[in-house]
Protein backbone atom coordinates (compact mmCIF):
# COMPACT_ATOMS: atom_id res chain seq x y z
CA MET A 1 15.06 -31.94 23.00
CA LYS A 2 17.48 -33.85 24.79
CA SER A 3 16.43 -36.42 27.37
CA ASN A 4 17.85 -35.95 30.90
CA TRP A 5 16.93 -39.61 31.84
CA LYS A 6 20.07 -41.96 31.87
CA GLU A 7 20.05 -45.67 32.32
CA LEU A 8 22.02 -46.80 35.26
CA ASP A 9 24.90 -49.11 34.43
CA TYR A 10 24.83 -51.14 37.50
CA TYR A 11 22.56 -53.48 39.40
CA HIS A 12 22.09 -53.51 43.22
CA ALA A 13 23.29 -56.54 45.21
CA GLU A 14 22.73 -57.48 48.73
CA PHE A 15 24.95 -60.20 50.39
CA SER A 16 24.05 -61.96 53.78
CA LYS A 17 25.49 -64.50 56.16
CA LEU A 18 22.34 -66.28 57.23
CA ASN A 19 22.52 -68.54 60.39
CA ASP A 20 20.67 -71.96 60.72
CA LYS A 21 17.44 -70.00 61.60
CA ASN A 22 17.65 -67.73 58.59
CA PHE A 23 18.67 -64.66 60.74
CA VAL A 24 21.22 -62.31 59.27
CA GLU A 25 24.53 -62.41 61.00
CA GLU A 26 26.48 -60.04 58.49
CA TYR A 27 25.33 -57.88 55.59
CA LEU A 28 26.88 -56.00 52.68
CA GLY A 29 25.10 -54.02 50.03
CA CYS A 30 26.85 -52.89 46.86
CA LYS A 31 26.59 -51.96 43.20
CA ILE A 32 27.45 -54.50 40.62
CA LYS A 33 28.39 -53.44 36.98
CA LYS A 34 25.95 -54.64 34.49
CA ASP A 35 28.62 -55.72 32.03
CA GLY A 36 27.71 -59.17 30.90
CA ARG A 37 25.54 -59.91 33.82
CA ASP A 38 22.17 -60.09 32.34
CA ILE A 39 21.75 -63.82 33.28
CA PHE A 40 21.80 -64.76 36.75
CA THR A 41 23.53 -68.30 37.23
CA ILE A 42 24.67 -70.23 40.20
CA GLU A 43 28.20 -69.64 38.70
CA LEU A 44 27.62 -65.93 38.73
CA ALA A 45 26.10 -65.94 42.18
CA ASN A 46 29.12 -67.74 43.65
CA GLU A 47 31.46 -65.34 41.87
CA LEU A 48 29.75 -62.38 43.33
CA ILE A 49 29.69 -63.88 46.82
CA GLU A 50 33.39 -64.66 46.60
CA LYS A 51 34.05 -60.87 45.66
CA ALA A 52 31.61 -59.83 48.38
CA ASN A 53 33.67 -61.87 50.95
CA LYS A 54 36.89 -60.14 49.89
CA ALA A 55 35.31 -56.68 49.78
CA TYR A 56 33.93 -57.20 53.34
CA LYS A 57 37.31 -58.23 54.65
CA GLU A 58 38.79 -55.15 53.01
CA LYS A 59 36.27 -52.81 54.42
CA TYR A 60 35.80 -54.15 57.85
CA GLY A 61 39.12 -56.11 58.44
CA LYS A 62 37.23 -59.44 59.38
CA ASP A 63 36.48 -62.51 57.35
CA VAL A 64 32.92 -63.49 56.51
CA ASP A 65 31.54 -66.33 54.53
CA PHE A 66 28.45 -65.00 52.77
CA ASN A 67 25.94 -67.63 51.79
CA TYR A 68 23.07 -65.62 50.23
CA VAL A 69 22.96 -63.14 47.53
CA LYS A 70 20.06 -61.05 46.09
CA LEU A 71 20.84 -59.50 42.78
CA ASP A 72 18.11 -56.71 41.69
CA MET A 73 18.53 -56.79 37.93
CA THR A 74 15.79 -54.13 37.24
CA ASN A 75 16.55 -51.66 34.66
CA ILE A 76 16.43 -48.21 36.22
CA VAL A 77 16.74 -44.83 34.60
CA GLU A 78 17.85 -41.62 36.64
CA ASP A 79 16.87 -38.02 36.00
CA THR A 80 20.38 -36.45 35.86
CA GLU A 81 19.07 -32.86 35.98
CA ASN A 82 16.59 -32.77 38.77
CA ILE A 83 17.34 -33.28 42.40
CA LEU A 84 15.06 -34.55 45.05
CA ASP A 85 14.25 -32.60 48.19
CA ASP A 86 17.16 -34.35 50.17
CA GLY A 87 19.58 -32.35 47.93
CA VAL A 88 21.43 -35.34 46.67
CA SER A 89 19.31 -37.94 45.10
CA HIS A 90 17.98 -38.01 41.60
CA PRO A 91 14.44 -39.14 40.77
CA ARG A 92 14.54 -42.81 39.41
CA ARG A 93 12.02 -45.03 37.58
CA GLU A 94 11.99 -48.65 36.53
CA ILE A 95 11.93 -49.76 32.83
CA GLY A 96 10.20 -52.78 32.10
CA LYS A 97 9.85 -55.71 34.53
CA THR A 98 11.15 -56.00 37.96
CA ARG A 99 13.92 -58.84 37.87
CA VAL A 100 15.38 -60.20 40.95
CA GLY A 101 17.62 -63.13 41.28
CA LYS A 102 18.17 -64.87 44.76
CA TYR A 103 20.65 -67.67 45.59
CA ASP A 104 20.94 -69.59 48.77
CA LYS A 105 24.46 -71.20 48.80
CA ARG A 106 23.54 -73.46 51.83
CA LYS A 107 20.80 -75.12 49.79
CA ASN A 108 22.21 -74.46 46.30
CA ILE A 109 18.87 -73.05 45.23
CA LEU A 110 18.71 -70.12 42.70
CA ARG A 111 15.36 -68.44 41.82
CA ILE A 112 14.60 -65.64 39.50
CA TRP A 113 11.42 -63.51 40.01
CA GLU A 114 9.87 -61.16 37.62
CA ASP A 115 7.40 -58.61 38.78
CA ASP A 116 7.23 -60.62 42.18
CA VAL A 117 6.36 -63.97 40.56
CA PRO A 118 8.85 -66.79 40.55
CA VAL A 119 9.67 -67.62 36.91
CA TYR A 120 12.76 -69.93 37.19
CA GLU A 121 14.42 -72.29 39.75
CA ASN A 122 17.59 -74.30 39.86
CA ASN A 123 17.26 -76.36 42.83
CA ASN A 124 20.44 -78.34 43.08
CA GLY A 125 20.54 -78.99 39.31
CA LYS A 126 16.83 -79.56 39.00
CA ILE A 127 15.46 -76.82 36.65
CA CYS A 128 11.90 -75.48 36.80
CA LYS A 129 10.39 -72.90 34.52
CA ASP A 130 6.72 -73.58 35.25
CA VAL A 131 5.44 -70.28 36.84
CA CYS A 132 2.42 -72.03 38.31
CA ALA A 133 4.30 -75.08 39.78
CA LEU A 134 6.79 -72.59 41.50
CA ALA A 135 4.21 -70.48 42.79
CA ASP A 136 2.41 -73.45 44.19
CA SER A 137 5.58 -74.86 45.72
CA LEU A 138 6.51 -71.62 47.30
CA MET A 139 3.00 -71.20 48.98
């Protein structure tokens, strides 16, 4: 029997321009191809922010300087045969752990969360992989 569940070939990214009070002034959500993007780094975050700035200008005709990105790297499968009640969407489910990377360019802090638990932090070059220490520091 053929499976009708297909893994999505993209991640979901959210870009924000946060002001000094952490309020969102500009926002852009988009799909990011998975190709070679299984590891979230400061370099990748800055590359994605740069591309988002260009995409925003093309779409809305104005400059923006995004300073925050959230990349949801959770693997998701979609039922390609069935359609939900809205008549458009397909049922989806997550495979494995929920993985989310967040990068604040203003502070140069990158964090990775798995199943809502912080598992990695690069704070301006200082690396921490101690889950307990990270959880304590964020409380």
